[in-house]
Amino acid sequence: MIEFKHQNNKKNLILFVHGFCGGDDTWKNGDSPSFAELLAQDEIISNNYDIANYSYYTKLTNLYSKVSGIGTLLKRLFGTSHGKLAKNVSIEEISSLLTTEIRFQLQSYDNIVLIAHSMGGLVAKSAIVKAMEDQQPSKIKFFVSLAVPHLGAEAATFGKLISSNLQIENLAPLNNFIH
């Protein structure tokens, strides 16, 4: 889901992508302005770029996937969607969702700068690599990765022993997705 932080209909976009169990607070330090707010305060950046966050569902456990059949039926009947999936999906699926958002919701932008943290960097990298493999033109012109486990995260090796979270499994160093 794309949420704009600074929008003046520019042709360039800075898009933040958070990491595992992250969200808007990934880009804040306490009560200080967020990274996006600091960038928007810069005259050159604010005159040339819109700024937005790409958010996706990521929780340590899959609580929503264990909802009973009745709960699932009620959700379908009364539509409790809040704009993003309410379960942990693979990093590759999140990347496909990001690609779709870029293709349709962000089609007016000529250039996109991705700033990604942790697992968000793997999401962004997957989107970039997929576009290259498919030989598709990409609006992503620059990628900044902050604390991204490009070779996997050792903690995920142990985490997948106690959790069935697909994202933790994808983060393991020996997982096929990482390579």
C-alpha atoms as a PDB file:
ATOM      1  CA  MET A   1       0.000   0.000   0.000  1.00  0.00           C
ATOM      2  CA  ILE A   2       1.382   3.415  -0.974  1.00  0.00           C
ATOM      3  CA  GLU A   3       1.020   6.290   1.478  1.00  0.00           C
ATOM      4  CA  PHE A   4       2.204   9.722   0.373  1.00  0.00           C
ATOM      5  CA  LYS A   5       4.122  11.848   2.857  1.00  0.00           C
ATOM      6  CA  HIS A   6       4.833  14.775   0.531  1.00  0.00           C
ATOM      7  CA  GLN A   7       3.028  15.082  -2.784  1.00  0.00           C
ATOM      8  CA  ASN A   8       3.187  17.959  -5.278  1.00  0.00           C
ATOM      9  CA  ASN A   9       2.745  15.981  -8.510  1.00  0.00           C
ATOM     10  CA  LYS A  10       6.433  15.904  -9.391  1.00  0.00           C
ATOM     11  CA  LYS A  11       7.881  13.513 -11.984  1.00  0.00           C
ATOM     12  CA  ASN A  12      10.239  11.908  -9.453  1.00  0.00           C
ATOM     13  CA  LEU A  13       9.408   9.883  -6.357  1.00  0.00           C
ATOM     14  CA  ILE A  14      11.358   8.794  -3.306  1.00  0.00           C
ATOM     15  CA  LEU A  15       9.745   5.595  -2.032  1.00  0.00           C
ATOM     16  CA  PHE A  16      10.574   4.141   1.387  1.00  0.00           C
ATOM     17  CA  VAL A  17      10.225   0.372   1.947  1.00  0.00           C
ATOM     18  CA  HIS A  18      10.321  -0.844   5.573  1.00  0.00           C
ATOM     19  CA  GLY A  19      11.667  -4.166   6.796  1.00  0.00           C
ATOM     20  CA  PHE A  20      10.509  -7.203   8.768  1.00  0.00           C
ATOM     21  CA  CYS A  21       7.921  -6.268  11.422  1.00  0.00           C
ATOM     22  CA  GLY A  22       8.445  -2.621  10.466  1.00  0.00           C
ATOM     23  CA  GLY A  23       6.228   0.234   9.398  1.00  0.00           C
ATOM     24  CA  ASP A  24       6.228   4.032   9.462  1.00  0.00           C
ATOM     25  CA  ASP A  25       8.216   4.082  12.716  1.00  0.00           C
ATOM     26  CA  THR A  26      11.149   2.460  10.880  1.00  0.00           C
ATOM     27  CA  TRP A  27      11.935   5.937   9.562  1.00  0.00           C
ATOM     28  CA  LYS A  28      11.591   7.821  12.889  1.00  0.00           C
ATOM     29  CA  ASN A  29      13.803   8.254  15.916  1.00  0.00           C
ATOM     30  CA  GLY A  30      11.540   8.924  18.881  1.00  0.00           C
ATOM     31  CA  ASP A  31       9.754  12.268  18.570  1.00  0.00           C
ATOM     32  CA  SER A  32      12.144  13.567  15.916  1.00  0.00           C
ATOM     33  CA  PRO A  33      10.946  14.180  12.358  1.00  0.00           C
ATOM     34  CA  SER A  34      10.936  11.095  10.138  1.00  0.00           C
ATOM     35  CA  PHE A  35      13.499  10.537   7.381  1.00  0.00           C
ATOM     36  CA  ALA A  36      10.781  11.475   4.837  1.00  0.00           C
ATOM     37  CA  GLU A  37       9.962  14.688   6.726  1.00  0.00           C
ATOM     38  CA  LEU A  38      13.643  15.638   6.858  1.00  0.00           C
ATOM     39  CA  LEU A  39      13.996  15.087   3.101  1.00  0.00           C
ATOM     40  CA  ALA A  40      10.839  17.128   2.429  1.00  0.00           C
ATOM     41  CA  GLN A  41      12.368  20.045   4.373  1.00  0.00           C
ATOM     42  CA  ASP A  42      15.185  20.255   1.824  1.00  0.00           C
ATOM     43  CA  GLU A  43      14.218  22.768  -0.874  1.00  0.00           C
ATOM     44  CA  ILE A  44      15.923  20.961  -3.765  1.00  0.00           C
ATOM     45  CA  ILE A  45      14.350  17.623  -2.845  1.00  0.00           C
ATOM     46  CA  SER A  46      10.870  19.053  -2.191  1.00  0.00           C
ATOM     47  CA  ASN A  47      10.973  20.953  -5.514  1.00  0.00           C
ATOM     48  CA  ASN A  48      11.863  17.820  -7.458  1.00  0.00           C
ATOM     49  CA  TYR A  49      10.472  14.801  -5.607  1.00  0.00           C
ATOM     50  CA  ASP A  50       7.291  13.468  -4.094  1.00  0.00           C
ATOM     51  CA  ILE A  51       7.848  11.199  -1.092  1.00  0.00           C
ATOM     52  CA  ALA A  52       5.895   8.089  -0.124  1.00  0.00           C
ATOM     53  CA  ASN A  53       6.042   4.895   1.926  1.00  0.00           C
ATOM     54  CA  TYR A  54       5.280   1.421   0.611  1.00  0.00           C
ATOM     55  CA  SER A  55       3.886  -0.682   3.438  1.00  0.00           C
ATOM     56  CA  TYR A  56       2.989  -4.338   3.572  1.00  0.00           C
ATOM     57  CA  TYR A  57       1.837  -6.782   6.228  1.00  0.00           C
ATOM     58  CA  THR A  58       4.636  -8.247   8.305  1.00  0.00           C
ATOM     59  CA  LYS A  59       4.242  -9.663  11.797  1.00  0.00           C
ATOM     60  CA  LEU A  60       6.344 -12.073  13.821  1.00  0.00           C
ATOM     61  CA  THR A  61       3.544 -14.660  13.904  1.00  0.00           C
ATOM     62  CA  ASN A  62       0.748 -15.584  11.536  1.00  0.00           C
ATOM     63  CA  LEU A  63      -2.131 -14.935  13.910  1.00  0.00           C
ATOM     64  CA  TYR A  64      -4.562 -14.032  11.145  1.00  0.00           C
ATOM     65  CA  SER A  65      -3.921 -17.259   9.254  1.00  0.00           C
ATOM     66  CA  LYS A  66      -5.285 -19.224  12.198  1.00  0.00           C
ATOM     67  CA  VAL A  67      -8.708 -17.564  12.153  1.00  0.00           C
ATOM     68  CA  SER A  68     -11.523 -20.108  12.332  1.00  0.00           C
ATOM     69  CA  GLY A  69     -13.685 -20.899   9.306  1.00  0.00           C
ATOM     70  CA  ILE A  70     -16.560 -18.819  10.728  1.00  0.00           C
ATOM     71  CA  GLY A  71     -14.310 -15.797  11.187  1.00  0.00           C
ATOM     72  CA  THR A  72     -13.059 -16.122   7.622  1.00  0.00           C
ATOM     73  CA  LEU A  73     -16.632 -16.354   6.329  1.00  0.00           C
ATOM     74  CA  LEU A  74     -17.640 -13.231   8.274  1.00  0.00           C
ATOM     75  CA  LYS A  75     -14.629 -11.321   6.929  1.00  0.00           C
ATOM     76  CA  ARG A  76     -15.579 -12.248   3.358  1.00  0.00           C
ATOM     77  CA  LEU A  77     -19.229 -11.319   3.863  1.00  0.00           C
ATOM     78  CA  PHE A  78     -18.644  -7.983   5.568  1.00  0.00           C
ATOM     79  CA  GLY A  79     -15.371  -6.974   3.907  1.00  0.00           C
ATOM     80  CA  THR A  80     -12.897  -6.007   6.617  1.00  0.00           C
ATOM     81  CA  SER A  81     -10.034  -5.322   4.208  1.00  0.00           C
ATOM     82  CA  HIS A  82      -7.746  -2.448   5.151  1.00  0.00           C
ATOM     83  CA  GLY A  83      -5.817  -2.192   1.907  1.00  0.00           C
ATOM     84  CA  LYS A  84      -3.098  -4.758   2.507  1.00  0.00           C
ATOM     85  CA  LEU A  85      -2.950  -8.471   3.044  1.00  0.00           C
ATOM     86  CA  ALA A  86      -3.534  -9.551   6.632  1.00  0.00           C
ATOM     87  CA  LYS A  87      -1.068 -12.423   6.557  1.00  0.00           C
ATOM     88  CA  ASN A  88       2.641 -12.893   6.100  1.00  0.00           C
ATOM     89  CA  VAL A  89       3.433 -13.712   2.485  1.00  0.00           C
ATOM     90  CA  SER A  90       6.800 -14.420   0.893  1.00  0.00           C
ATOM     91  CA  ILE A  91       9.282 -11.681   0.101  1.00  0.00           C
ATOM     92  CA  GLU A  92       8.824 -12.518  -3.581  1.00  0.00           C
ATOM     93  CA  GLU A  93       5.043 -11.969  -3.308  1.00  0.00           C
ATOM     94  CA  ILE A  94       5.575  -8.643  -1.527  1.00  0.00           C
ATOM     95  CA  SER A  95       7.958  -7.703  -4.343  1.00  0.00           C
ATOM     96  CA  SER A  96       5.293  -8.572  -6.931  1.00  0.00           C
ATOM     97  CA  LEU A  97       2.814  -6.379  -5.050  1.00  0.00           C
ATOM     98  CA  LEU A  98       5.363  -3.534  -5.057  1.00  0.00           C
ATOM     99  CA  THR A  99       5.864  -3.985  -8.815  1.00  0.00           C
ATOM    100  CA  THR A 100       2.093  -3.823  -9.333  1.00  0.00           C
ATOM    101  CA  GLU A 101       1.824  -0.645  -7.224  1.00  0.00           C
ATOM    102  CA  ILE A 102       4.627   0.951  -9.257  1.00  0.00           C
ATOM    103  CA  ARG A 103       3.055  -0.106 -12.557  1.00  0.00           C
ATOM    104  CA  PHE A 104      -0.454   1.136 -11.795  1.00  0.00           C
ATOM    105  CA  GLN A 105      -0.571   3.590  -8.873  1.00  0.00           C
ATOM    106  CA  LEU A 106       2.787   5.244  -9.583  1.00  0.00           C
ATOM    107  CA  GLN A 107       2.625   5.236 -13.386  1.00  0.00           C
ATOM    108  CA  SER A 108       2.807   9.036 -13.591  1.00  0.00           C
ATOM    109  CA  TYR A 109       6.382   9.045 -12.229  1.00  0.00           C
ATOM    110  CA  ASP A 110       9.364   8.967 -14.581  1.00  0.00           C
ATOM    111  CA  ASN A 111      11.953   8.124 -11.933  1.00  0.00           C
ATOM    112  CA  ILE A 112      11.660   6.294  -8.618  1.00  0.00           C
ATOM    113  CA  VAL A 113      14.312   6.200  -5.908  1.00  0.00           C
ATOM    114  CA  LEU A 114      13.867   3.281  -3.501  1.00  0.00           C
ATOM    115  CA  ILE A 115      15.178   3.639   0.043  1.00  0.00           C
ATOM    116  CA  ALA A 116      14.811   0.301   1.774  1.00  0.00           C
ATOM    117  CA  HIS A 117      15.590  -1.024   5.221  1.00  0.00           C
ATOM    118  CA  SER A 118      16.360  -4.631   6.172  1.00  0.00           C
ATOM    119  CA  MET A 119      13.920  -7.105   4.559  1.00  0.00           C
ATOM    120  CA  GLY A 120      12.475  -4.181   2.559  1.00  0.00           C
ATOM    121  CA  GLY A 121      15.781  -4.112   0.693  1.00  0.00           C
ATOM    122  CA  LEU A 122      15.253  -7.729  -0.352  1.00  0.00           C
ATOM    123  CA  VAL A 123      11.742  -6.806  -1.507  1.00  0.00           C
ATOM    124  CA  ALA A 124      13.137  -3.908  -3.566  1.00  0.00           C
ATOM    125  CA  LYS A 125      16.049  -5.941  -4.931  1.00  0.00           C
ATOM    126  CA  SER A 126      13.666  -8.710  -5.990  1.00  0.00           C
ATOM    127  CA  ALA A 127      11.533  -6.183  -7.910  1.00  0.00           C
ATOM    128  CA  ILE A 128      14.624  -4.767  -9.652  1.00  0.00           C
ATOM    129  CA  VAL A 129      16.045  -8.199 -10.548  1.00  0.00           C
ATOM    130  CA  LYS A 130      12.663  -9.457 -11.822  1.00  0.00           C
ATOM    131  CA  ALA A 131      12.349  -6.424 -14.143  1.00  0.00           C
ATOM    132  CA  MET A 132      15.867  -7.094 -15.451  1.00  0.00           C
ATOM    133  CA  GLU A 133      15.169 -10.801 -15.990  1.00  0.00           C
ATOM    134  CA  ASP A 134      11.931  -9.985 -17.836  1.00  0.00           C
ATOM    135  CA  GLN A 135      13.778  -7.276 -19.785  1.00  0.00           C
ATOM    136  CA  GLN A 136      11.128  -4.780 -18.737  1.00  0.00           C
ATOM    137  CA  PRO A 137      11.879  -1.049 -18.518  1.00  0.00           C
ATOM    138  CA  SER A 138      11.942   0.056 -14.909  1.00  0.00           C
ATOM    139  CA  LYS A 139      11.052   3.359 -13.315  1.00  0.00           C
ATOM    140  CA  ILE A 140      13.391   2.455 -10.434  1.00  0.00           C
ATOM    141  CA  LYS A 141      16.512   4.469 -11.184  1.00  0.00           C
ATOM    142  CA  PHE A 142      18.309   4.389  -7.836  1.00  0.00           C
ATOM    143  CA  PHE A 143      18.306   1.999  -4.880  1.00  0.00           C
ATOM    144  CA  VAL A 144      19.594   2.751  -1.377  1.00  0.00           C
ATOM    145  CA  SER A 145      19.815  -0.280   0.906  1.00  0.00           C
ATOM    146  CA  LEU A 146      20.106   0.264   4.648  1.00  0.00           C
ATOM    147  CA  ALA A 147      21.030  -2.724   6.853  1.00  0.00           C
ATOM    148  CA  VAL A 148      19.779  -5.210   4.246  1.00  0.00           C
ATOM    149  CA  PRO A 149      20.694  -8.881   4.850  1.00  0.00           C
ATOM    150  CA  HIS A 150      21.746  -9.474   1.233  1.00  0.00           C
ATOM    151  CA  LEU A 151      23.250 -12.846   2.196  1.00  0.00           C
ATOM    152  CA  GLY A 152      20.525 -13.744   4.688  1.00  0.00           C
ATOM    153  CA  ALA A 153      20.156 -13.291   8.439  1.00  0.00           C
ATOM    154  CA  GLU A 154      21.645 -15.836  10.845  1.00  0.00           C
ATOM    155  CA  ALA A 155      18.823 -15.132  13.321  1.00  0.00           C
ATOM    156  CA  ALA A 156      16.347 -16.453  10.732  1.00  0.00           C
ATOM    157  CA  THR A 157      18.027 -19.869  10.887  1.00  0.00           C
ATOM    158  CA  PHE A 158      16.912 -20.168  14.492  1.00  0.00           C
ATOM    159  CA  GLY A 159      13.687 -18.226  14.047  1.00  0.00           C
ATOM    160  CA  LYS A 160      12.315 -20.686  11.524  1.00  0.00           C
ATOM    161  CA  LEU A 161      12.729 -23.465  14.094  1.00  0.00           C
ATOM    162  CA  ILE A 162      10.116 -21.829  16.344  1.00  0.00           C
ATOM    163  CA  SER A 163       7.927 -20.025  13.816  1.00  0.00           C
ATOM    164  CA  SER A 164       6.147 -20.981  10.604  1.00  0.00           C
ATOM    165  CA  ASN A 165       6.502 -17.410   9.295  1.00  0.00           C
ATOM    166  CA  LEU A 166       7.325 -17.565   5.569  1.00  0.00           C
ATOM    167  CA  GLN A 167       9.232 -14.261   5.745  1.00  0.00           C
ATOM    168  CA  ILE A 168      11.574 -15.643   8.427  1.00  0.00           C
ATOM    169  CA  GLU A 169      12.168 -18.704   6.242  1.00  0.00           C
ATOM    170  CA  ASN A 170      12.952 -16.437   3.248  1.00  0.00           C
ATOM    171  CA  LEU A 171      15.511 -14.529   5.346  1.00  0.00           C
ATOM    172  CA  ALA A 172      17.576 -17.634   6.206  1.00  0.00           C
ATOM    173  CA  PRO A 173      21.084 -17.606   4.672  1.00  0.00           C
ATOM    174  CA  LEU A 174      20.653 -20.958   2.895  1.00  0.00           C
ATOM    175  CA  ASN A 175      17.195 -20.210   1.519  1.00  0.00           C
ATOM    176  CA  ASN A 176      16.898 -20.384  -2.277  1.00  0.00           C
ATOM    177  CA  PHE A 177      15.272 -16.917  -2.378  1.00  0.00           C
ATOM    178  CA  ILE A 178      18.380 -15.239  -0.939  1.00  0.00           C
ATOM    179  CA  HIS A 179      20.544 -16.682  -3.703  1.00  0.00           C
END
